[in-house]
């Protein structure tokens, strides 16, 4: 190959004593003269050995080798897991067929139970697990060994107990949770079960300890069903082989032992509540798991107790109710309230001394009108309706009675006990609503949605939107501070909001709690706002 160049000609060096190799490369050049003479200039390309150019201890050489080594050993690009890869949506026909074939659409008479069933039918692997382990679980819990779909009819929710019991044991560390319908079904059950347990213990301790404030009760509940103690109850019921089939539970680390036990425990009571109701929840808690409210591990810490000089209802005087009394209690047909004994445990008899005071005449009618009270009830005896409305008015006044007013002289003349049960019932009602509204959502998403809807600042805001915060009764010492500082007032408005839900539950039952939450206060914020 020949190239033309106008370089000035230099004499080539014939005597090059270097050890480098030379290769001839002919190039044609022209002089810049009037009489150009065509001559051939030979240019030699020099190839220098890199090992001789850079010494072994040279930093540049070491950095170059390090860069080459990194380039050779760099990890391959990680692809996202398959579940995060977007798939094309189903067409309308296949989507409709999928929903129509889902077990969640099979029970029209039990919408809450139907929403907690698996999103698709159980396959062969699911039925294999049920054949191997379900009998052991039912025997440990004290249930008959026959299949539930054979023992009960279509009009009984307990017919689905075997399916829900199977889902309850499929915690995230199990093999079967790779299936979407199993993973989602288990998470939805444990989402419901945690609020069922909280409400069950709240009702039980409010009736067992009629003079206590809610703080010791919360400590008792934590001592019984805190996550540290749940593995102990799992082992007491001989369920550890179903929760940890391949490991010894006692040898596992705490962070490996507690989460599966907690998930299974919560989901188990979600399934029991859906199929058999709250009385069966008490039986399993105290008979199967052997919980003792007088155990030393669950006793509240010692604190200064205010002297309670007021009376309690006759049914609580001089005795502590057992779980059988709470579970087997059925109100009479002509009872004033949906839960009369729970109402008596939260509203002290001495509240009748406030009947006819200024708040009763001026504020109570406005509060009842804003809340839609009293509800229309069909009572055979007119006196029952009148007595219920009187007790309802006293309960409303207790809901708006701030602890700063009478708590130090009369510890139960404040909204604390009604607030305690109201918080638990509003949690359960909202959980049931979300489960029925989002039948395809996993439990983790529902938990986040539940938390955002029931934040304390929102509960107080809904009460202020109805202009009910001005009816709260404060003491003279804190009246001015609360009126001019909204941050001090926020916990009080939230507590009054929850106390109203507790009163609605004890007087009219769970349907009235739903009415207050979703129609009066509009917790989901779906109703049109007034301009």
Protein backbone atom coordinates (compact mmCIF):
# COMPACT_ATOMS: atom_id res chain seq x y z
CA UNK A 1 0.00 0.00 0.00
CA UNK A 2 1.42 3.39 -1.04
CA UNK A 3 0.38 6.76 0.35
CA UNK A 4 1.27 10.20 -0.95
CA UNK A 5 2.61 12.72 1.56
CA UNK A 6 4.08 16.24 1.44
CA UNK A 7 6.35 15.67 4.44
CA UNK A 8 9.82 17.09 4.32
CA UNK A 9 12.23 14.29 3.63
CA UNK A 10 14.45 13.27 6.49
CA UNK A 11 17.39 10.98 6.16
CA UNK A 12 16.59 7.60 7.51
CA UNK A 13 18.65 6.24 10.32
CA UNK A 14 20.41 3.16 9.18
CA UNK A 15 22.17 2.38 12.42
CA UNK A 16 19.45 1.96 15.06
CA UNK A 17 20.74 -0.01 17.95
CA UNK A 18 17.37 -0.30 19.71
CA UNK A 19 15.93 -3.69 20.50
CA UNK A 20 12.54 -2.74 19.03
CA UNK A 21 11.27 -4.40 15.90
CA UNK A 22 10.97 -2.45 12.65
CA UNK A 23 8.61 -3.02 9.77
CA UNK A 24 9.03 -1.16 6.45
CA UNK A 25 6.15 1.03 5.36
CA UNK A 26 6.72 2.74 1.97
CA UNK A 27 5.21 6.19 1.41
CA UNK A 28 5.56 8.46 -1.62
CA UNK A 29 6.35 12.12 -0.90
CA UNK A 30 6.81 15.32 -2.92
CA UNK A 31 9.13 18.24 -2.15
CA UNK A 32 7.79 21.77 -2.11
CA UNK A 33 10.15 22.84 -4.89
CA UNK A 34 9.59 24.06 -8.39
CA UNK A 35 10.91 20.85 -9.77
CA UNK A 36 9.38 18.14 -7.61
CA UNK A 37 11.16 14.91 -7.62
CA UNK A 38 9.26 11.77 -6.73
CA UNK A 39 11.07 9.87 -4.03
CA UNK A 40 10.12 6.98 -1.78
CA UNK A 41 10.29 7.60 1.96
CA UNK A 42 10.29 4.53 4.18
CA UNK A 43 8.64 5.02 7.61
CA UNK A 44 9.08 2.34 10.23
CA UNK A 45 6.26 1.59 12.81
CA UNK A 46 7.66 0.89 16.25
CA UNK A 47 5.91 -1.66 18.54
CA UNK A 48 7.02 -1.16 22.12
CA UNK A 49 6.60 -3.98 24.61
CA UNK A 50 4.08 -2.74 27.34
CA UNK A 51 5.89 -4.76 30.00
CA UNK A 52 9.07 -2.81 29.29
CA UNK A 53 7.22 0.50 28.97
CA UNK A 54 5.61 0.23 32.44
CA UNK A 55 7.66 -1.27 35.25
CA UNK A 56 6.12 -3.93 37.42
CA UNK A 57 5.74 -1.59 40.39
CA UNK A 58 4.28 1.22 38.30
CA UNK A 59 0.97 2.56 39.70
CA UNK A 60 -0.39 3.01 36.18
CA UNK A 61 0.22 -0.63 35.38
CA UNK A 62 -1.45 -1.78 38.59
CA UNK A 63 -4.48 0.42 37.96
CA UNK A 64 -4.73 -0.88 34.41
CA UNK A 65 -4.66 -4.51 35.59
CA UNK A 66 -7.24 -3.74 38.25
CA UNK A 67 -9.55 -2.17 35.66
CA UNK A 68 -9.22 -5.19 33.39
CA UNK A 69 -9.92 -7.55 36.29
CA UNK A 70 -13.04 -5.60 37.29
CA UNK A 71 -14.26 -5.62 33.71
CA UNK A 72 -13.85 -9.37 33.55
CA UNK A 73 -15.50 -10.17 36.90
CA UNK A 74 -18.33 -7.58 36.89
CA UNK A 75 -21.69 -9.18 37.84
CA UNK A 76 -24.21 -9.74 35.16
CA UNK A 77 -27.21 -7.47 34.94
CA UNK A 78 -29.99 -8.74 37.20
CA UNK A 79 -33.36 -9.13 35.55
CA UNK A 80 -36.48 -8.30 37.59
CA UNK A 81 -38.43 -11.26 38.98
CA UNK A 82 -41.29 -12.47 36.87
CA UNK A 83 -43.96 -11.17 39.20
CA UNK A 84 -42.81 -7.60 38.56
CA UNK A 85 -42.84 -7.90 34.77
CA UNK A 86 -45.96 -6.26 33.36
CA UNK A 87 -48.25 -8.61 31.53
CA UNK A 88 -50.93 -7.69 29.03
CA UNK A 89 -54.33 -7.31 30.73
CA UNK A 90 -56.96 -9.96 30.34
CA UNK A 91 -59.70 -9.30 27.86
CA UNK A 92 -63.19 -8.63 29.16
CA UNK A 93 -64.49 -12.13 28.53
CA UNK A 94 -61.62 -13.92 30.30
CA UNK A 95 -61.68 -11.43 33.18
CA UNK A 96 -65.41 -11.91 33.69
CA UNK A 97 -65.02 -15.68 33.53
CA UNK A 98 -62.21 -15.55 36.10
CA UNK A 99 -64.34 -13.59 38.57
CA UNK A 100 -67.43 -15.75 38.01
CA UNK A 101 -65.46 -18.93 38.66
CA UNK A 102 -63.83 -17.52 41.79
CA UNK A 103 -65.01 -18.95 45.14
CA UNK A 104 -65.24 -15.35 46.36
CA UNK A 105 -68.38 -14.90 44.24
CA UNK A 106 -70.08 -18.08 45.45
CA UNK A 107 -71.62 -16.98 48.79
CA UNK A 108 -74.11 -14.17 48.34
CA UNK A 109 -75.59 -14.52 51.84
CA UNK A 110 -72.17 -14.16 53.57
CA UNK A 111 -70.32 -11.34 51.79
CA UNK A 112 -67.57 -10.98 54.40
CA UNK A 113 -66.87 -14.72 54.50
CA UNK A 114 -66.96 -14.90 50.70
CA UNK A 115 -64.41 -12.09 50.37
CA UNK A 116 -61.91 -14.05 52.51
CA UNK A 117 -62.08 -17.24 50.44
CA UNK A 118 -59.23 -17.95 47.97
CA UNK A 119 -59.45 -16.10 44.66
CA UNK A 120 -59.27 -19.36 42.68
CA UNK A 121 -60.23 -22.93 43.39
CA UNK A 122 -57.88 -25.09 45.42
CA UNK A 123 -55.61 -27.26 43.28
CA UNK A 124 -54.14 -30.70 43.83
CA UNK A 125 -51.23 -29.46 45.98
CA UNK A 126 -53.62 -27.61 48.28
CA UNK A 127 -55.82 -30.65 48.74
CA UNK A 128 -52.75 -32.82 49.40
CA UNK A 129 -51.74 -30.56 52.30
CA UNK A 130 -55.27 -30.68 53.67
CA UNK A 131 -55.32 -34.46 53.57
CA UNK A 132 -52.00 -34.72 55.41
CA UNK A 133 -52.22 -32.01 58.07
CA UNK A 134 -55.77 -30.73 58.45
CA UNK A 135 -56.91 -33.53 60.74
CA UNK A 136 -54.06 -32.77 63.14
CA UNK A 137 -55.00 -29.09 63.22
CA UNK A 138 -58.69 -29.79 63.85
CA UNK A 139 -57.89 -32.27 66.60
CA UNK A 140 -55.59 -29.77 68.34
CA UNK A 141 -58.29 -27.08 68.18
CA UNK A 142 -61.04 -29.36 69.43
CA UNK A 143 -63.16 -29.69 66.27
CA UNK A 144 -64.75 -32.84 64.81
CA UNK A 145 -62.60 -34.58 62.22
CA UNK A 146 -65.30 -34.88 59.55
CA UNK A 147 -65.01 -32.53 56.56
CA UNK A 148 -66.87 -29.30 57.20
CA UNK A 149 -68.59 -29.27 53.81
CA UNK A 150 -70.28 -32.56 54.73
CA UNK A 151 -71.28 -31.58 58.29
CA UNK A 152 -72.89 -28.22 57.46
CA UNK A 153 -75.35 -26.99 54.87
CA UNK A 154 -75.07 -24.14 52.42
CA UNK A 155 -76.80 -21.75 54.81
CA UNK A 156 -74.10 -22.23 57.47
CA UNK A 157 -70.83 -20.26 57.23
CA UNK A 158 -68.98 -23.10 59.00
CA UNK A 159 -69.14 -25.08 55.74
CA UNK A 160 -66.05 -23.16 54.54
CA UNK A 161 -64.07 -23.82 57.73
CA UNK A 162 -61.71 -26.40 56.22
CA UNK A 163 -60.69 -24.03 53.43
CA UNK A 164 -60.10 -21.10 55.77
CA UNK A 165 -58.24 -23.30 58.26
CA UNK A 166 -55.91 -24.41 55.47
CA UNK A 167 -55.24 -20.80 54.47
CA UNK A 168 -54.57 -19.83 58.09
CA UNK A 169 -51.52 -22.11 58.33
CA UNK A 170 -49.89 -20.99 55.07
CA UNK A 171 -47.62 -18.28 56.49
CA UNK A 172 -45.11 -16.51 54.17
CA UNK A 173 -42.28 -18.94 55.00
CA UNK A 174 -44.26 -21.95 53.70
CA UNK A 175 -43.84 -23.56 50.30
CA UNK A 176 -47.46 -23.07 49.29
CA UNK A 177 -47.31 -19.27 49.54
CA UNK A 178 -45.76 -19.15 46.07
CA UNK A 179 -49.31 -19.62 44.79
CA UNK A 180 -51.06 -16.27 44.56
CA UNK A 181 -54.46 -17.43 45.84
CA UNK A 182 -52.87 -18.99 48.93
CA UNK A 183 -50.62 -16.03 49.73
CA UNK A 184 -53.40 -13.48 49.30
CA UNK A 185 -55.96 -15.55 51.21
CA UNK A 186 -53.65 -15.97 54.22
CA UNK A 187 -52.75 -12.27 54.36
CA UNK A 188 -56.42 -11.25 54.25
CA UNK A 189 -57.27 -13.61 57.11
CA UNK A 190 -54.51 -12.32 59.38
CA UNK A 191 -55.52 -8.73 58.53
CA UNK A 192 -58.99 -9.46 59.92
CA UNK A 193 -57.86 -11.67 62.81
CA UNK A 194 -55.73 -9.06 64.58
CA UNK A 195 -58.73 -6.74 65.03
CA UNK A 196 -60.98 -9.62 66.11
CA UNK A 197 -58.54 -10.44 68.93
CA UNK A 198 -58.28 -6.81 70.03
CA UNK A 199 -62.06 -6.40 70.24
CA UNK A 200 -62.53 -9.74 72.02
CA UNK A 201 -60.07 -8.86 74.78
CA UNK A 202 -61.39 -5.29 75.07
CA UNK A 203 -64.95 -6.51 75.72
CA UNK A 204 -63.75 -9.21 78.10
CA UNK A 205 -61.50 -7.00 80.24
CA UNK A 206 -64.00 -4.12 80.36
CA UNK A 207 -66.55 -6.49 81.91
CA UNK A 208 -64.07 -8.37 84.08
CA UNK A 209 -62.48 -5.22 85.57
CA UNK A 210 -65.32 -2.65 85.75
CA UNK A 211 -63.30 -0.12 87.78
CA UNK A 212 -60.01 -0.16 85.86
CA UNK A 213 -58.87 2.45 83.40
CA UNK A 214 -57.96 1.29 79.86
CA UNK A 215 -54.18 1.60 80.43
CA UNK A 216 -53.85 -1.56 82.62
CA UNK A 217 -56.16 -3.41 80.22
CA UNK A 218 -53.94 -2.64 77.26
CA UNK A 219 -50.97 -3.97 79.22
CA UNK A 220 -52.87 -7.18 79.99
CA UNK A 221 -53.71 -7.64 76.33
CA UNK A 222 -50.10 -7.08 75.31
CA UNK A 223 -48.94 -9.54 77.96
CA UNK A 224 -51.26 -12.21 76.56
CA UNK A 225 -51.06 -11.79 72.78
CA UNK A 226 -47.89 -9.76 72.30
CA UNK A 227 -45.70 -11.20 69.55
CA UNK A 228 -43.10 -12.40 72.08
CA UNK A 229 -45.66 -14.68 73.74
CA UNK A 230 -47.38 -16.06 70.65
CA UNK A 231 -44.88 -18.93 70.07
CA UNK A 232 -45.64 -20.06 73.63
CA UNK A 233 -49.36 -20.34 72.84
CA UNK A 234 -48.68 -22.10 69.55
CA UNK A 235 -46.69 -24.72 71.43
CA UNK A 236 -49.30 -24.97 74.20
CA UNK A 237 -51.90 -25.98 71.60
CA UNK A 238 -49.46 -28.49 69.96
CA UNK A 239 -49.52 -26.61 66.64
CA UNK A 240 -45.76 -26.06 66.33
CA UNK A 241 -45.33 -28.98 63.90
CA UNK A 242 -47.82 -27.40 61.52
CA UNK A 243 -46.26 -23.94 61.72
CA UNK A 244 -42.63 -25.19 61.61
CA UNK A 245 -42.79 -28.60 59.89
CA UNK A 246 -39.03 -28.85 59.24
CA UNK A 247 -37.52 -27.06 62.25
CA UNK A 248 -37.45 -27.29 66.00
CA UNK A 249 -39.23 -24.16 67.17
CA UNK A 250 -37.23 -23.90 70.39
CA UNK A 251 -33.91 -23.81 68.48
CA UNK A 252 -34.94 -21.08 66.06
CA UNK A 253 -33.86 -17.50 66.51
CA UNK A 254 -36.43 -15.08 67.79
CA UNK A 255 -36.76 -13.21 64.48
CA UNK A 256 -37.33 -16.54 62.71
CA UNK A 257 -39.78 -17.87 65.30
CA UNK A 258 -42.06 -14.93 66.07
CA UNK A 259 -43.31 -13.74 62.63
CA UNK A 260 -44.70 -17.13 61.47
CA UNK A 261 -46.32 -17.72 64.87
CA UNK A 262 -47.90 -14.26 64.78
CA UNK A 263 -49.23 -14.66 61.23
CA UNK A 264 -50.75 -18.09 61.91
CA UNK A 265 -52.25 -16.99 65.24
CA UNK A 266 -53.96 -13.95 63.74
CA UNK A 267 -55.17 -15.77 60.64
CA UNK A 268 -56.49 -18.64 62.75
CA UNK A 269 -58.81 -16.36 64.71
CA UNK A 270 -59.87 -14.59 61.55
CA UNK A 271 -61.08 -17.95 60.21
CA UNK A 272 -62.79 -18.90 63.50
CA UNK A 273 -64.56 -15.54 63.70
CA UNK A 274 -65.87 -15.83 60.14
CA UNK A 275 -67.21 -19.34 60.59
CA UNK A 276 -68.38 -19.52 64.23
CA UNK A 277 -68.50 -15.99 65.65
CA UNK A 278 -67.08 -14.34 68.76
CA UNK A 279 -68.13 -17.01 71.37
CA UNK A 280 -65.95 -19.57 69.62
CA UNK A 281 -63.05 -17.09 69.65
CA UNK A 282 -63.26 -17.02 73.46
CA UNK A 283 -63.41 -20.81 73.69
CA UNK A 284 -60.29 -21.32 71.59
CA UNK A 285 -58.40 -18.57 73.42
CA UNK A 286 -59.05 -19.82 76.94
CA UNK A 287 -59.64 -23.56 76.47
CA UNK A 288 -57.37 -24.58 73.61
CA UNK A 289 -54.52 -22.13 74.17
CA UNK A 290 -55.04 -22.01 77.94
CA UNK A 291 -54.73 -18.27 78.44
CA UNK A 292 -55.09 -17.05 82.02
CA UNK A 293 -55.83 -13.34 82.64
CA UNK A 294 -54.47 -13.70 86.19
CA UNK A 295 -51.10 -15.00 85.06
CA UNK A 296 -48.10 -13.10 86.44
CA UNK A 297 -46.68 -12.49 82.95
CA UNK A 298 -49.66 -10.39 81.86
CA UNK A 299 -50.20 -8.30 84.98
CA UNK A 300 -49.98 -4.51 84.52
CA UNK A 301 -47.20 -2.60 86.15
CA UNK A 302 -47.91 -0.98 89.51
CA UNK A 303 -49.12 2.60 89.32
CA UNK A 304 -50.91 5.04 91.56
CA UNK A 305 -54.63 4.29 91.41
CA UNK A 306 -57.26 6.94 91.88
CA UNK A 307 -59.81 6.04 94.53
CA UNK A 308 -63.08 4.99 92.91
CA UNK A 309 -65.95 5.88 95.24
CA UNK A 310 -68.74 5.36 92.70
CA UNK A 311 -70.95 2.35 92.35
CA UNK A 312 -70.75 -0.27 89.64
CA UNK A 313 -73.65 -2.21 88.18
CA UNK A 314 -75.08 -5.00 90.33
CA UNK A 315 -73.91 -7.74 87.97
CA UNK A 316 -70.27 -6.69 88.46
CA UNK A 317 -70.37 -6.16 92.21
CA UNK A 318 -68.19 -8.50 94.23
CA UNK A 319 -67.16 -10.90 91.43
CA UNK A 320 -64.98 -11.20 88.37
CA UNK A 321 -66.69 -12.47 85.26
CA UNK A 322 -65.11 -15.47 83.56
CA UNK A 323 -64.77 -15.94 79.83
CA UNK A 324 -67.74 -18.34 79.89
CA UNK A 325 -69.92 -15.55 81.30
CA UNK A 326 -68.85 -13.22 78.50
CA UNK A 327 -69.05 -15.78 75.69
CA UNK A 328 -72.36 -17.35 76.71
CA UNK A 329 -74.13 -14.09 77.54
CA UNK A 330 -77.21 -13.40 75.45
CA UNK A 331 -79.25 -10.25 76.08
CA UNK A 332 -82.95 -10.78 76.80
CA UNK A 333 -85.50 -10.11 74.10
CA UNK A 334 -86.70 -6.83 75.65
CA UNK A 335 -83.22 -5.55 76.46
CA UNK A 336 -82.59 -1.83 76.26
CA UNK A 337 -79.34 -2.20 74.31
CA UNK A 338 -77.64 -4.48 71.83
CA UNK A 339 -74.87 -5.13 74.41
CA UNK A 340 -76.44 -4.20 77.77
CA UNK A 341 -73.72 -5.56 80.03
CA UNK A 342 -70.97 -3.87 78.04
CA UNK A 343 -72.93 -0.62 78.26
CA UNK A 344 -73.17 -0.99 82.06
CA UNK A 345 -69.43 -1.66 82.21
CA UNK A 346 -68.63 1.57 80.33
CA UNK A 347 -71.34 3.95 81.58
CA UNK A 348 -71.39 4.06 85.41
CA UNK A 349 -74.80 4.17 87.15
CA UNK A 350 -73.82 7.46 88.80
CA UNK A 351 -74.17 9.26 85.46
CA UNK A 352 -77.83 9.81 86.33
CA UNK A 353 -76.76 12.69 88.58
CA UNK A 354 -75.95 14.66 85.38
CA UNK A 355 -79.45 14.23 84.01
CA UNK A 356 -81.13 17.59 83.56
CA UNK A 357 -78.00 19.74 83.75
CA UNK A 358 -77.17 22.60 81.38
CA UNK A 359 -75.38 20.38 78.83
CA UNK A 360 -78.37 18.02 78.83
CA UNK A 361 -80.74 20.84 77.92
CA UNK A 362 -78.61 22.94 75.58
CA UNK A 363 -76.07 20.65 73.88
CA UNK A 364 -77.61 17.18 73.86
CA UNK A 365 -80.43 17.99 71.36
CA UNK A 366 -77.92 19.47 68.90
CA UNK A 367 -75.57 16.49 69.22
CA UNK A 368 -78.41 13.99 68.75
CA UNK A 369 -79.66 15.86 65.69
CA UNK A 370 -76.18 15.89 64.12
CA UNK A 371 -75.73 12.14 64.75
CA UNK A 372 -79.25 11.14 63.73
CA UNK A 373 -80.32 9.94 67.16
CA UNK A 374 -82.50 8.39 68.45
CA UNK A 375 -82.93 5.62 65.91
CA UNK A 376 -86.37 4.19 65.21
CA UNK A 377 -86.76 0.95 67.17
CA UNK A 378 -89.73 -1.41 67.31
CA UNK A 379 -90.39 -2.04 71.00
CA UNK A 380 -93.51 -3.72 72.28
CA UNK A 381 -93.39 -1.68 75.49
CA UNK A 382 -93.22 2.11 75.01
CA UNK A 383 -91.37 2.54 78.31
CA UNK A 384 -88.39 0.66 76.91
CA UNK A 385 -87.99 3.20 74.11
CA UNK A 386 -88.11 6.10 76.57
CA UNK A 387 -85.60 4.45 78.93
CA UNK A 388 -83.22 3.74 76.04
CA UNK A 389 -83.32 7.33 74.89
CA UNK A 390 -82.57 8.55 78.43
CA UNK A 391 -79.59 6.21 78.75
CA UNK A 392 -78.45 7.23 75.27
CA UNK A 393 -78.44 10.88 76.32
CA UNK A 394 -76.37 10.08 79.42
CA UNK A 395 -73.95 8.06 77.31
CA UNK A 396 -73.58 10.96 74.87
CA UNK A 397 -72.77 13.30 77.75
CA UNK A 398 -70.15 10.81 78.96
CA UNK A 399 -68.64 10.74 75.44
CA UNK A 400 -68.06 14.49 75.59
CA UNK A 401 -66.78 14.52 79.20
CA UNK A 402 -63.05 15.27 79.13
CA UNK A 403 -60.92 13.59 81.87
CA UNK A 404 -59.87 16.98 83.20
CA UNK A 405 -63.39 17.64 84.48
CA UNK A 406 -64.16 14.87 86.99
CA UNK A 407 -61.53 12.14 86.61
CA UNK A 408 -59.52 12.91 89.76
CA UNK A 409 -62.58 12.71 92.02
CA UNK A 410 -64.61 10.19 89.97
CA UNK A 411 -62.21 8.16 87.76
CA UNK A 412 -64.92 6.62 85.57
CA UNK A 413 -66.76 9.85 84.80
CA UNK A 414 -64.93 10.42 81.50
CA UNK A 415 -64.92 8.97 78.02
CA UNK A 416 -61.89 6.65 78.46
CA UNK A 417 -63.67 3.29 78.65
CA UNK A 418 -66.03 4.10 75.79
CA UNK A 419 -63.05 5.33 73.79
CA UNK A 420 -61.27 2.01 74.34
CA UNK A 421 -64.07 -0.17 73.00
CA UNK A 422 -64.86 2.39 70.27
CA UNK A 423 -61.33 2.27 68.92
CA UNK A 424 -61.46 -1.51 68.63
CA UNK A 425 -64.89 -1.70 67.03
CA UNK A 426 -64.06 1.00 64.46
CA UNK A 427 -60.91 -0.94 63.53
CA UNK A 428 -62.92 -4.12 62.98
CA UNK A 429 -65.73 -2.40 61.05
CA UNK A 430 -63.26 -0.66 58.73
CA UNK A 431 -61.37 -3.93 58.18
CA UNK A 432 -64.60 -5.71 57.22
CA UNK A 433 -65.54 -2.89 54.84
CA UNK A 434 -62.16 -2.97 53.10
CA UNK A 435 -62.24 -6.75 52.73
CA UNK A 436 -65.64 -6.66 51.05
CA UNK A 437 -64.79 -3.65 48.91
CA UNK A 438 -61.40 -4.88 47.61
CA UNK A 439 -61.83 -8.63 47.15
CA UNK A 440 -58.63 -9.00 45.10
CA UNK A 441 -56.30 -6.93 47.31
CA UNK A 442 -53.61 -8.60 49.47
CA UNK A 443 -53.60 -8.07 53.22
CA UNK A 444 -50.54 -5.82 53.25
CA UNK A 445 -52.21 -3.32 50.94
CA UNK A 446 -55.40 -3.45 53.03
CA UNK A 447 -53.37 -2.85 56.20
CA UNK A 448 -51.83 0.31 54.74
CA UNK A 449 -55.19 1.53 53.49
CA UNK A 450 -56.76 0.83 56.89
CA UNK A 451 -54.04 2.77 58.69
CA UNK A 452 -54.39 5.79 56.42
CA UNK A 453 -58.18 5.93 56.78
CA UNK A 454 -58.19 5.71 60.58
CA UNK A 455 -55.33 8.03 61.44
CA UNK A 456 -56.02 9.94 64.63
CA UNK A 457 -55.83 13.33 62.97
CA UNK A 458 -58.54 12.28 60.50
CA UNK A 459 -60.86 11.02 63.26
CA UNK A 460 -60.67 14.37 65.02
CA UNK A 461 -61.11 16.26 61.75
CA UNK A 462 -64.33 14.42 60.92
CA UNK A 463 -65.71 15.39 64.34
CA UNK A 464 -64.74 19.04 63.77
CA UNK A 465 -66.35 18.99 60.32
CA UNK A 466 -69.67 18.28 62.06
CA UNK A 467 -68.95 21.17 64.48
CA UNK A 468 -69.24 18.83 67.47
CA UNK A 469 -65.92 19.73 69.09
CA UNK A 470 -67.46 22.79 70.73
CA UNK A 471 -69.63 20.55 72.94
CA UNK A 472 -66.69 18.87 74.73
CA UNK A 473 -66.78 19.56 78.47
CA UNK A 474 -63.39 20.68 79.82
CA UNK A 475 -62.39 21.82 83.28
CA UNK A 476 -61.89 25.52 83.95
CA UNK A 477 -58.11 25.07 84.22
CA UNK A 478 -57.67 23.77 80.67
CA UNK A 479 -60.62 25.47 78.95
CA UNK A 480 -58.68 28.54 77.79
CA UNK A 481 -55.62 26.54 76.72
CA UNK A 482 -57.67 24.11 74.65
CA UNK A 483 -59.72 26.85 73.01
CA UNK A 484 -56.65 28.72 71.75
CA UNK A 485 -54.41 25.76 70.89
CA UNK A 486 -55.65 23.29 68.33
CA UNK A 487 -52.77 20.87 68.93
CA UNK A 488 -53.84 20.41 72.53
CA UNK A 489 -57.40 19.86 71.39
CA UNK A 490 -56.65 17.24 68.71
CA UNK A 491 -56.27 14.22 71.06
CA UNK A 492 -59.53 15.15 72.78
CA UNK A 493 -61.49 15.37 69.52
CA UNK A 494 -60.09 12.03 68.39
CA UNK A 495 -61.03 10.40 71.71
CA UNK A 496 -64.59 11.78 71.54
CA UNK A 497 -64.92 10.46 67.99
CA UNK A 498 -63.93 6.95 69.10
CA UNK A 499 -66.11 7.15 72.23
CA UNK A 500 -69.14 7.86 70.02
CA UNK A 501 -68.42 4.66 68.09
CA UNK A 502 -68.16 2.74 71.36
CA UNK A 503 -71.50 4.10 72.54
CA UNK A 504 -73.15 3.28 69.20
CA UNK A 505 -71.85 -0.30 69.46
CA UNK A 506 -73.10 -0.87 73.00
CA UNK A 507 -76.54 0.72 72.40
CA UNK A 508 -77.48 -0.21 68.82
CA UNK A 509 -74.82 -2.69 67.75
CA UNK A 510 -72.37 -2.91 64.88
CA UNK A 511 -74.79 -1.64 62.16
CA UNK A 512 -74.98 1.75 63.87
CA UNK A 513 -71.17 1.96 63.96
CA UNK A 514 -71.19 1.46 60.19
CA UNK A 515 -73.82 4.19 59.84
CA UNK A 516 -71.77 6.66 61.87
CA UNK A 517 -68.49 5.88 60.11
CA UNK A 518 -69.63 5.79 56.49
CA UNK A 519 -72.78 7.93 56.42
CA UNK A 520 -72.53 10.52 59.19
CA UNK A 521 -68.77 11.14 59.40
CA UNK A 522 -67.91 9.77 55.93
CA UNK A 523 -64.57 8.19 56.84
CA UNK A 524 -63.85 7.23 53.24
CA UNK A 525 -64.62 10.77 52.02
CA UNK A 526 -66.81 9.62 49.13
CA UNK A 527 -69.87 11.78 49.76
CA UNK A 528 -70.24 15.13 47.96
CA UNK A 529 -69.23 18.14 50.01
CA UNK A 530 -71.61 21.00 50.71
CA UNK A 531 -70.70 24.16 48.83
